[in-house]
Amino acid sequence: MIWLALLLFASSLWAQRVVERGNHVIYADSSGRETDAGIGFSPVLIRDGKVALLRGRKFGYGDDFNCAHRETKNRVAVFDPRTRSD
C-alpha cells in the first residue's frame, strides 16, 4: 500500500505543469525542461500539452479600465511549447 502511494506521488512530479513567475508564464514538461511562454497570466494546461493564457495588462480589483481602447484589451492566447508560438 505504501509503494502505491509513493508511486502516485512520484508520478505527479513528472507531470507537465505551468506556473506564473513574475509576469511571465513558464511551461515545464514532464522531464523538467522549462519554456518561457512570455508575458501573460492565468495559465491553464489544455489538450495536446498546450497552454491557454491571458495576454495583456493584469488588472487588480478596482483598477480603472476602458474596453474601447484596443491596445489596453486583454486577449486569450493558446501557446504551443513545441513550436514556441501562439
PDB file of N, CA and C in Angstrom:
ATOM      1  N   MET A   1       0.828  -1.196   0.000  1.00  0.00           N
ATOM      2  CA  MET A   1       0.000   0.000   0.000  1.00  0.00           C
ATOM      3  C   MET A   1       0.873   1.260   0.000  1.00  0.00           C
ATOM      4  N   ILE A   2       1.941   1.237   0.766  1.00  0.00           N
ATOM      5  CA  ILE A   2       2.839   2.402   0.821  1.00  0.00           C
ATOM      6  C   ILE A   2       3.510   2.610  -0.527  1.00  0.00           C
ATOM      7  N   TRP A   3       3.876   1.512  -1.201  1.00  0.00           N
ATOM      8  CA  TRP A   3       4.520   1.632  -2.508  1.00  0.00           C
ATOM      9  C   TRP A   3       3.591   2.274  -3.531  1.00  0.00           C
ATOM     10  N   LEU A   4       2.320   1.935  -3.442  1.00  0.00           N
ATOM     11  CA  LEU A   4       1.354   2.528  -4.352  1.00  0.00           C
ATOM     12  C   LEU A   4       1.238   4.036  -4.123  1.00  0.00           C
ATOM     13  N   ALA A   5       1.197   4.436  -2.875  1.00  0.00           N
ATOM     14  CA  ALA A   5       1.124   5.865  -2.545  1.00  0.00           C
ATOM     15  C   ALA A   5       2.365   6.601  -3.040  1.00  0.00           C
ATOM     16  N   LEU A   6       3.534   5.988  -2.842  1.00  0.00           N
ATOM     17  CA  LEU A   6       4.777   6.614  -3.313  1.00  0.00           C
ATOM     18  C   LEU A   6       4.808   6.710  -4.834  1.00  0.00           C
ATOM     19  N   LEU A   7       4.311   5.688  -5.516  1.00  0.00           N
ATOM     20  CA  LEU A   7       4.275   5.702  -6.974  1.00  0.00           C
ATOM     21  C   LEU A   7       3.358   6.803  -7.488  1.00  0.00           C
ATOM     22  N   LEU A   8       2.194   6.944  -6.876  1.00  0.00           N
ATOM     23  CA  LEU A   8       1.269   8.003  -7.284  1.00  0.00           C
ATOM     24  C   LEU A   8       1.859   9.384  -7.041  1.00  0.00           C
ATOM     25  N   PHE A   9       2.533   9.552  -5.907  1.00  0.00           N
ATOM     26  CA  PHE A   9       3.167  10.830  -5.597  1.00  0.00           C
ATOM     27  C   PHE A   9       4.290  11.129  -6.582  1.00  0.00           C
ATOM     28  N   ALA A  10       5.114  10.139  -6.865  1.00  0.00           N
ATOM     29  CA  ALA A  10       6.248  10.335  -7.773  1.00  0.00           C
ATOM     30  C   ALA A  10       5.772  10.642  -9.184  1.00  0.00           C
ATOM     31  N   SER A  11       4.695  10.001  -9.630  1.00  0.00           N
ATOM     32  CA  SER A  11       4.218  10.254 -10.987  1.00  0.00           C
ATOM     33  C   SER A  11       3.722  11.689 -11.140  1.00  0.00           C
ATOM     34  N   SER A  12       3.219  12.277 -10.076  1.00  0.00           N
ATOM     35  CA  SER A  12       2.777  13.670 -10.173  1.00  0.00           C
ATOM     36  C   SER A  12       3.962  14.622 -10.307  1.00  0.00           C
ATOM     37  N   LEU A  13       5.135  14.204  -9.870  1.00  0.00           N
ATOM     38  CA  LEU A  13       6.322  15.042 -10.023  1.00  0.00           C
ATOM     39  C   LEU A  13       6.789  15.094 -11.470  1.00  0.00           C
ATOM     40  N   TRP A  14       6.425  14.081 -12.264  1.00  0.00           N
ATOM     41  CA  TRP A  14       6.833  14.025 -13.668  1.00  0.00           C
ATOM     42  C   TRP A  14       5.818  14.649 -14.604  1.00  0.00           C
ATOM     43  N   ALA A  15       4.772  15.196 -14.072  1.00  0.00           N
ATOM     44  CA  ALA A  15       3.693  15.737 -14.900  1.00  0.00           C
ATOM     45  C   ALA A  15       4.079  17.079 -15.508  1.00  0.00           C
ATOM     46  N   GLN A  16       3.394  17.426 -16.589  1.00  0.00           N
ATOM     47  CA  GLN A  16       3.551  18.763 -17.155  1.00  0.00           C
ATOM     48  C   GLN A  16       2.948  19.758 -16.185  1.00  0.00           C
ATOM     49  N   ARG A  17       3.504  20.943 -16.163  1.00  0.00           N
ATOM     50  CA  ARG A  17       2.929  21.985 -15.318  1.00  0.00           C
ATOM     51  C   ARG A  17       3.193  23.343 -15.932  1.00  0.00           C
ATOM     52  N   VAL A  18       2.388  24.291 -15.511  1.00  0.00           N
ATOM     53  CA  VAL A  18       2.528  25.657 -15.988  1.00  0.00           C
ATOM     54  C   VAL A  18       2.320  26.580 -14.787  1.00  0.00           C
ATOM     55  N   VAL A  19       3.214  27.573 -14.654  1.00  0.00           N
ATOM     56  CA  VAL A  19       3.181  28.467 -13.498  1.00  0.00           C
ATOM     57  C   VAL A  19       3.449  29.903 -13.950  1.00  0.00           C
ATOM     58  N   GLU A  20       3.070  30.824 -13.098  1.00  0.00           N
ATOM     59  CA  GLU A  20       3.433  32.224 -13.307  1.00  0.00           C
ATOM     60  C   GLU A  20       4.704  32.499 -12.524  1.00  0.00           C
ATOM     61  N   ARG A  21       5.662  33.136 -13.167  1.00  0.00           N
ATOM     62  CA  ARG A  21       6.892  33.553 -12.491  1.00  0.00           C
ATOM     63  C   ARG A  21       7.085  35.023 -12.824  1.00  0.00           C
ATOM     64  N   GLY A  22       6.768  35.860 -11.842  1.00  0.00           N
ATOM     65  CA  GLY A  22       6.746  37.297 -12.117  1.00  0.00           C
ATOM     66  C   GLY A  22       5.578  37.578 -13.029  1.00  0.00           C
ATOM     67  N   ASN A  23       5.832  38.244 -14.153  1.00  0.00           N
ATOM     68  CA  ASN A  23       4.749  38.491 -15.107  1.00  0.00           C
ATOM     69  C   ASN A  23       4.844  37.570 -16.325  1.00  0.00           C
ATOM     70  N   HIS A  24       5.682  36.535 -16.235  1.00  0.00           N
ATOM     71  CA  HIS A  24       5.843  35.560 -17.315  1.00  0.00           C
ATOM     72  C   HIS A  24       5.155  34.256 -16.961  1.00  0.00           C
ATOM     73  N   VAL A  25       4.763  33.511 -17.980  1.00  0.00           N
ATOM     74  CA  VAL A  25       4.200  32.177 -17.823  1.00  0.00           C
ATOM     75  C   VAL A  25       5.283  31.178 -18.219  1.00  0.00           C
ATOM     76  N   ILE A  26       5.530  30.205 -17.351  1.00  0.00           N
ATOM     77  CA  ILE A  26       6.562  29.204 -17.580  1.00  0.00           C
ATOM     78  C   ILE A  26       5.905  27.835 -17.708  1.00  0.00           C
ATOM     79  N   TYR A  27       6.207  27.123 -18.808  1.00  0.00           N
ATOM     80  CA  TYR A  27       5.730  25.761 -19.027  1.00  0.00           C
ATOM     81  C   TYR A  27       6.877  24.811 -18.717  1.00  0.00           C
ATOM     82  N   ALA A  28       6.620  23.775 -17.930  1.00  0.00           N
ATOM     83  CA  ALA A  28       7.625  22.747 -17.638  1.00  0.00           C
ATOM     84  C   ALA A  28       7.080  21.411 -18.122  1.00  0.00           C
ATOM     85  N   ASP A  29       7.866  20.713 -18.958  1.00  0.00           N
ATOM     86  CA  ASP A  29       7.411  19.417 -19.448  1.00  0.00           C
ATOM     87  C   ASP A  29       7.693  18.335 -18.413  1.00  0.00           C
ATOM     88  N   SER A  30       7.346  17.114 -18.746  1.00  0.00           N
ATOM     89  CA  SER A  30       7.485  16.020 -17.788  1.00  0.00           C
ATOM     90  C   SER A  30       8.939  15.708 -17.463  1.00  0.00           C
ATOM     91  N   SER A  31       9.886  16.177 -18.277  1.00  0.00           N
ATOM     92  CA  SER A  31      11.313  15.992 -17.996  1.00  0.00           C
ATOM     93  C   SER A  31      11.895  17.117 -17.162  1.00  0.00           C
ATOM     94  N   GLY A  32      11.089  18.143 -16.900  1.00  0.00           N
ATOM     95  CA  GLY A  32      11.551  19.275 -16.107  1.00  0.00           C
ATOM     96  C   GLY A  32      12.110  20.421 -16.929  1.00  0.00           C
ATOM     97  N   ARG A  33      12.150  20.279 -18.261  1.00  0.00           N
ATOM     98  CA  ARG A  33      12.639  21.367 -19.108  1.00  0.00           C
ATOM     99  C   ARG A  33      11.610  22.489 -19.108  1.00  0.00           C
ATOM    100  N   GLU A  34      12.079  23.709 -18.928  1.00  0.00           N
ATOM    101  CA  GLU A  34      11.182  24.862 -18.852  1.00  0.00           C
ATOM    102  C   GLU A  34      11.224  25.677 -20.137  1.00  0.00           C
ATOM    103  N   THR A  35      10.051  26.168 -20.523  1.00  0.00           N
ATOM    104  CA  THR A  35       9.911  27.035 -21.686  1.00  0.00           C
ATOM    105  C   THR A  35       9.149  28.280 -21.256  1.00  0.00           C
ATOM    106  N   ASP A  36       9.721  29.440 -21.546  1.00  0.00           N
ATOM    107  CA  ASP A  36       9.071  30.706 -21.208  1.00  0.00           C
ATOM    108  C   ASP A  36       8.028  31.009 -22.277  1.00  0.00           C
ATOM    109  N   ALA A  37       6.763  31.083 -21.881  1.00  0.00           N
ATOM    110  CA  ALA A  37       5.674  31.380 -22.820  1.00  0.00           C
ATOM    111  C   ALA A  37       5.493  32.875 -23.008  1.00  0.00           C
ATOM    112  N   GLY A  38       6.283  33.678 -22.326  1.00  0.00           N
ATOM    113  CA  GLY A  38       6.200  35.124 -22.475  1.00  0.00           C
ATOM    114  C   GLY A  38       5.324  35.762 -21.411  1.00  0.00           C
ATOM    115  N   ILE A  39       5.024  37.010 -21.613  1.00  0.00           N
ATOM    116  CA  ILE A  39       4.232  37.769 -20.648  1.00  0.00           C
ATOM    117  C   ILE A  39       2.783  37.322 -20.731  1.00  0.00           C
ATOM    118  N   GLY A  40       2.212  37.021 -19.581  1.00  0.00           N
ATOM    119  CA  GLY A  40       0.826  36.598 -19.518  1.00  0.00           C
ATOM    120  C   GLY A  40       0.456  36.227 -18.095  1.00  0.00           C
ATOM    121  N   PHE A  41      -0.798  35.813 -17.907  1.00  0.00           N
ATOM    122  CA  PHE A  41      -1.245  35.404 -16.583  1.00  0.00           C
ATOM    123  C   PHE A  41      -2.422  34.447 -16.708  1.00  0.00           C
ATOM    124  N   SER A  42      -2.786  33.830 -15.599  1.00  0.00           N
ATOM    125  CA  SER A  42      -3.869  32.843 -15.510  1.00  0.00           C
ATOM    126  C   SER A  42      -3.682  31.677 -16.476  1.00  0.00           C
ATOM    127  N   PRO A  43      -2.521  31.030 -16.464  1.00  0.00           N
ATOM    128  CA  PRO A  43      -2.286  29.930 -17.399  1.00  0.00           C
ATOM    129  C   PRO A  43      -3.033  28.654 -16.992  1.00  0.00           C
ATOM    130  N   VAL A  44      -3.443  27.894 -18.014  1.00  0.00           N
ATOM    131  CA  VAL A  44      -4.127  26.620 -17.817  1.00  0.00           C
ATOM    132  C   VAL A  44      -3.616  25.644 -18.870  1.00  0.00           C
ATOM    133  N   LEU A  45      -3.223  24.440 -18.443  1.00  0.00           N
ATOM    134  CA  LEU A  45      -2.843  23.402 -19.406  1.00  0.00           C
ATOM    135  C   LEU A  45      -4.095  22.901 -20.105  1.00  0.00           C
ATOM    136  N   ILE A  46      -4.022  22.776 -21.420  1.00  0.00           N
ATOM    137  CA  ILE A  46      -5.157  22.263 -22.179  1.00  0.00           C
ATOM    138  C   ILE A  46      -4.699  21.078 -23.019  1.00  0.00           C
ATOM    139  N   ARG A  47      -5.596  20.590 -23.837  1.00  0.00           N
ATOM    140  CA  ARG A  47      -5.348  19.422 -24.673  1.00  0.00           C
ATOM    141  C   ARG A  47      -4.058  19.543 -25.482  1.00  0.00           C
ATOM    142  N   ASP A  48      -3.444  18.432 -25.743  1.00  0.00           N
ATOM    143  CA  ASP A  48      -2.224  18.351 -26.559  1.00  0.00           C
ATOM    144  C   ASP A  48      -1.033  19.062 -25.935  1.00  0.00           C
ATOM    145  N   GLY A  49      -1.060  19.309 -24.627  1.00  0.00           N
ATOM    146  CA  GLY A  49       0.072  19.924 -23.955  1.00  0.00           C
ATOM    147  C   GLY A  49       0.226  21.407 -24.216  1.00  0.00           C
ATOM    148  N   LYS A  50      -0.804  22.032 -24.737  1.00  0.00           N
ATOM    149  CA  LYS A  50      -0.743  23.470 -24.988  1.00  0.00           C
ATOM    150  C   LYS A  50      -1.188  24.228 -23.747  1.00  0.00           C
ATOM    151  N   VAL A  51      -0.923  25.533 -23.745  1.00  0.00           N
ATOM    152  CA  VAL A  51      -1.215  26.381 -22.590  1.00  0.00           C
ATOM    153  C   VAL A  51      -2.131  27.519 -23.020  1.00  0.00           C
ATOM    154  N   ALA A  52      -3.284  27.628 -22.367  1.00  0.00           N
ATOM    155  CA  ALA A  52      -4.161  28.778 -22.582  1.00  0.00           C
ATOM    156  C   ALA A  52      -3.806  29.815 -21.525  1.00  0.00           C
ATOM    157  N   LEU A  53      -3.684  31.066 -21.940  1.00  0.00           N
ATOM    158  CA  LEU A  53      -3.329  32.128 -21.006  1.00  0.00           C
ATOM    159  C   LEU A  53      -3.896  33.449 -21.494  1.00  0.00           C
ATOM    160  N   LEU A  54      -3.899  34.404 -20.608  1.00  0.00           N
ATOM    161  CA  LEU A  54      -4.347  35.753 -20.959  1.00  0.00           C
ATOM    162  C   LEU A  54      -3.120  36.615 -21.229  1.00  0.00           C
ATOM    163  N   ARG A  55      -3.153  37.331 -22.324  1.00  0.00           N
ATOM    164  CA  ARG A  55      -2.090  38.280 -22.659  1.00  0.00           C
ATOM    165  C   ARG A  55      -2.653  39.679 -22.466  1.00  0.00           C
ATOM    166  N   GLY A  56      -1.827  40.569 -22.006  1.00  0.00           N
ATOM    167  CA  GLY A  56      -2.252  41.949 -21.800  1.00  0.00           C
ATOM    168  C   GLY A  56      -2.017  42.359 -20.361  1.00  0.00           C
ATOM    169  N   ARG A  57      -2.622  43.455 -19.994  1.00  0.00           N
ATOM    170  CA  ARG A  57      -2.437  44.009 -18.652  1.00  0.00           C
ATOM    171  C   ARG A  57      -3.244  43.220 -17.631  1.00  0.00           C
ATOM    172  N   LYS A  58      -2.645  42.969 -16.501  1.00  0.00           N
ATOM    173  CA  LYS A  58      -3.340  42.299 -15.401  1.00  0.00           C
ATOM    174  C   LYS A  58      -3.959  43.371 -14.518  1.00  0.00           C
ATOM    175  N   PHE A  59      -5.285  43.401 -14.481  1.00  0.00           N
ATOM    176  CA  PHE A  59      -5.996  44.408 -13.708  1.00  0.00           C
ATOM    177  C   PHE A  59      -6.224  43.915 -12.292  1.00  0.00           C
ATOM    178  N   GLY A  60      -6.037  44.782 -11.338  1.00  0.00           N
ATOM    179  CA  GLY A  60      -6.340  44.480  -9.950  1.00  0.00           C
ATOM    180  C   GLY A  60      -7.749  44.928  -9.620  1.00  0.00           C
ATOM    181  N   TYR A  61      -8.222  44.534  -8.472  1.00  0.00           N
ATOM    182  CA  TYR A  61      -9.567  44.903  -8.054  1.00  0.00           C
ATOM    183  C   TYR A  61      -9.672  46.427  -7.951  1.00  0.00           C
ATOM    184  N   GLY A  62     -10.661  46.999  -8.605  1.00  0.00           N
ATOM    185  CA  GLY A  62     -10.894  48.434  -8.534  1.00  0.00           C
ATOM    186  C   GLY A  62     -10.093  49.253  -9.526  1.00  0.00           C
ATOM    187  N   ASP A  63      -9.212  48.620 -10.320  1.00  0.00           N
ATOM    188  CA  ASP A  63      -8.452  49.356 -11.328  1.00  0.00           C
ATOM    189  C   ASP A  63      -9.387  49.857 -12.425  1.00  0.00           C
ATOM    190  N   ASP A  64      -9.122  51.071 -12.904  1.00  0.00           N
ATOM    191  CA  ASP A  64      -9.913  51.619 -13.995  1.00  0.00           C
ATOM    192  C   ASP A  64      -9.488  50.980 -15.312  1.00  0.00           C
ATOM    193  N   PHE A  65     -10.457  50.671 -16.151  1.00  0.00           N
ATOM    194  CA  PHE A  65     -10.147  50.173 -17.478  1.00  0.00           C
ATOM    195  C   PHE A  65     -11.239  50.621 -18.438  1.00  0.00           C
ATOM    196  N   ASN A  66     -10.907  50.633 -19.715  1.00  0.00           N
ATOM    197  CA  ASN A  66     -11.839  51.075 -20.740  1.00  0.00           C
ATOM    198  C   ASN A  66     -11.699  50.133 -21.924  1.00  0.00           C
ATOM    199  N   CYS A  67     -12.722  49.360 -22.194  1.00  0.00           N
ATOM    200  CA  CYS A  67     -12.688  48.382 -23.283  1.00  0.00           C
ATOM    201  C   CYS A  67     -12.703  49.024 -24.667  1.00  0.00           C
ATOM    202  N   ALA A  68     -12.939  50.319 -24.726  1.00  0.00           N
ATOM    203  CA  ALA A  68     -12.968  50.995 -26.018  1.00  0.00           C
ATOM    204  C   ALA A  68     -11.574  51.158 -26.610  1.00  0.00           C
ATOM    205  N   HIS A  69     -10.547  51.060 -25.795  1.00  0.00           N
ATOM    206  CA  HIS A  69      -9.171  51.211 -26.278  1.00  0.00           C
ATOM    207  C   HIS A  69      -8.593  49.849 -26.609  1.00  0.00           C
ATOM    208  N   ARG A  70      -8.412  49.596 -27.882  1.00  0.00           N
ATOM    209  CA  ARG A  70      -7.944  48.290 -28.356  1.00  0.00           C
ATOM    210  C   ARG A  70      -6.599  47.878 -27.732  1.00  0.00           C
ATOM    211  N   GLU A  71      -5.690  48.821 -27.562  1.00  0.00           N
ATOM    212  CA  GLU A  71      -4.350  48.492 -27.060  1.00  0.00           C
ATOM    213  C   GLU A  71      -4.347  48.088 -25.588  1.00  0.00           C
ATOM    214  N   THR A  72      -5.397  48.380 -24.857  1.00  0.00           N
ATOM    215  CA  THR A  72      -5.432  48.023 -23.433  1.00  0.00           C
ATOM    216  C   THR A  72      -6.276  46.780 -23.163  1.00  0.00           C
ATOM    217  N   LYS A  73      -6.848  46.177 -24.209  1.00  0.00           N
ATOM    218  CA  LYS A  73      -7.669  44.984 -24.019  1.00  0.00           C
ATOM    219  C   LYS A  73      -6.794  43.755 -23.816  1.00  0.00           C
ATOM    220  N   ASN A  74      -7.291  42.831 -23.027  1.00  0.00           N
ATOM    221  CA  ASN A  74      -6.634  41.536 -22.873  1.00  0.00           C
ATOM    222  C   ASN A  74      -7.150  40.597 -23.950  1.00  0.00           C
ATOM    223  N   ARG A  75      -6.358  39.553 -24.242  1.00  0.00           N
ATOM    224  CA  ARG A  75      -6.801  38.560 -25.207  1.00  0.00           C
ATOM    225  C   ARG A  75      -6.405  37.175 -24.711  1.00  0.00           C
ATOM    226  N   VAL A  76      -7.142  36.189 -25.151  1.00  0.00           N
ATOM    227  CA  VAL A  76      -6.824  34.806 -24.822  1.00  0.00           C
ATOM    228  C   VAL A  76      -5.872  34.282 -25.887  1.00  0.00           C
ATOM    229  N   ALA A  77      -4.791  33.660 -25.452  1.00  0.00           N
ATOM    230  CA  ALA A  77      -3.818  33.078 -26.371  1.00  0.00           C
ATOM    231  C   ALA A  77      -3.646  31.603 -26.036  1.00  0.00           C
ATOM    232  N   VAL A  78      -3.331  30.814 -27.044  1.00  0.00           N
ATOM    233  CA  VAL A  78      -3.003  29.403 -26.847  1.00  0.00           C
ATOM    234  C   VAL A  78      -1.553  29.232 -27.284  1.00  0.00           C
ATOM    235  N   PHE A  79      -0.685  28.933 -26.325  1.00  0.00           N
ATOM    236  CA  PHE A  79       0.749  28.800 -26.561  1.00  0.00           C
ATOM    237  C   PHE A  79       1.090  27.331 -26.761  1.00  0.00           C
ATOM    238  N   ASP A  80       1.841  27.033 -27.816  1.00  0.00           N
ATOM    239  CA  ASP A  80       2.302  25.675 -28.097  1.00  0.00           C
ATOM    240  C   ASP A  80       3.786  25.586 -27.759  1.00  0.00           C
ATOM    241  N   PRO A  81       4.153  24.861 -26.695  1.00  0.00           N
ATOM    242  CA  PRO A  81       5.561  24.788 -26.294  1.00  0.00           C
ATOM    243  C   PRO A  81       6.461  24.132 -27.348  1.00  0.00           C
ATOM    244  N   ARG A  82       5.896  23.268 -28.206  1.00  0.00           N
ATOM    245  CA  ARG A  82       6.717  22.625 -29.232  1.00  0.00           C
ATOM    246  C   ARG A  82       7.170  23.599 -30.298  1.00  0.00           C
ATOM    247  N   THR A  83       6.278  24.492 -30.724  1.00  0.00           N
ATOM    248  CA  THR A  83       6.638  25.489 -31.737  1.00  0.00           C
ATOM    249  C   THR A  83       7.053  26.812 -31.114  1.00  0.00           C
ATOM    250  N   ARG A  84       6.818  26.945 -29.809  1.00  0.00           N
ATOM    251  CA  ARG A  84       7.127  28.159 -29.057  1.00  0.00           C
ATOM    252  C   ARG A  84       6.447  29.387 -29.656  1.00  0.00           C
ATOM    253  N   SER A  85       5.169  29.204 -30.014  1.00  0.00           N
ATOM    254  CA  SER A  85       4.405  30.317 -30.584  1.00  0.00           C
ATOM    255  C   SER A  85       2.943  30.197 -30.178  1.00  0.00           C
ATOM    256  N   ASP A  86       2.217  31.311 -30.323  1.00  0.00           N
ATOM    257  CA  ASP A  86       0.781  31.333 -30.046  1.00  0.00           C
ATOM    258  C   ASP A  86       0.031  30.769 -31.229  1.00  0.00           C
TER     259      ASP A  86
END
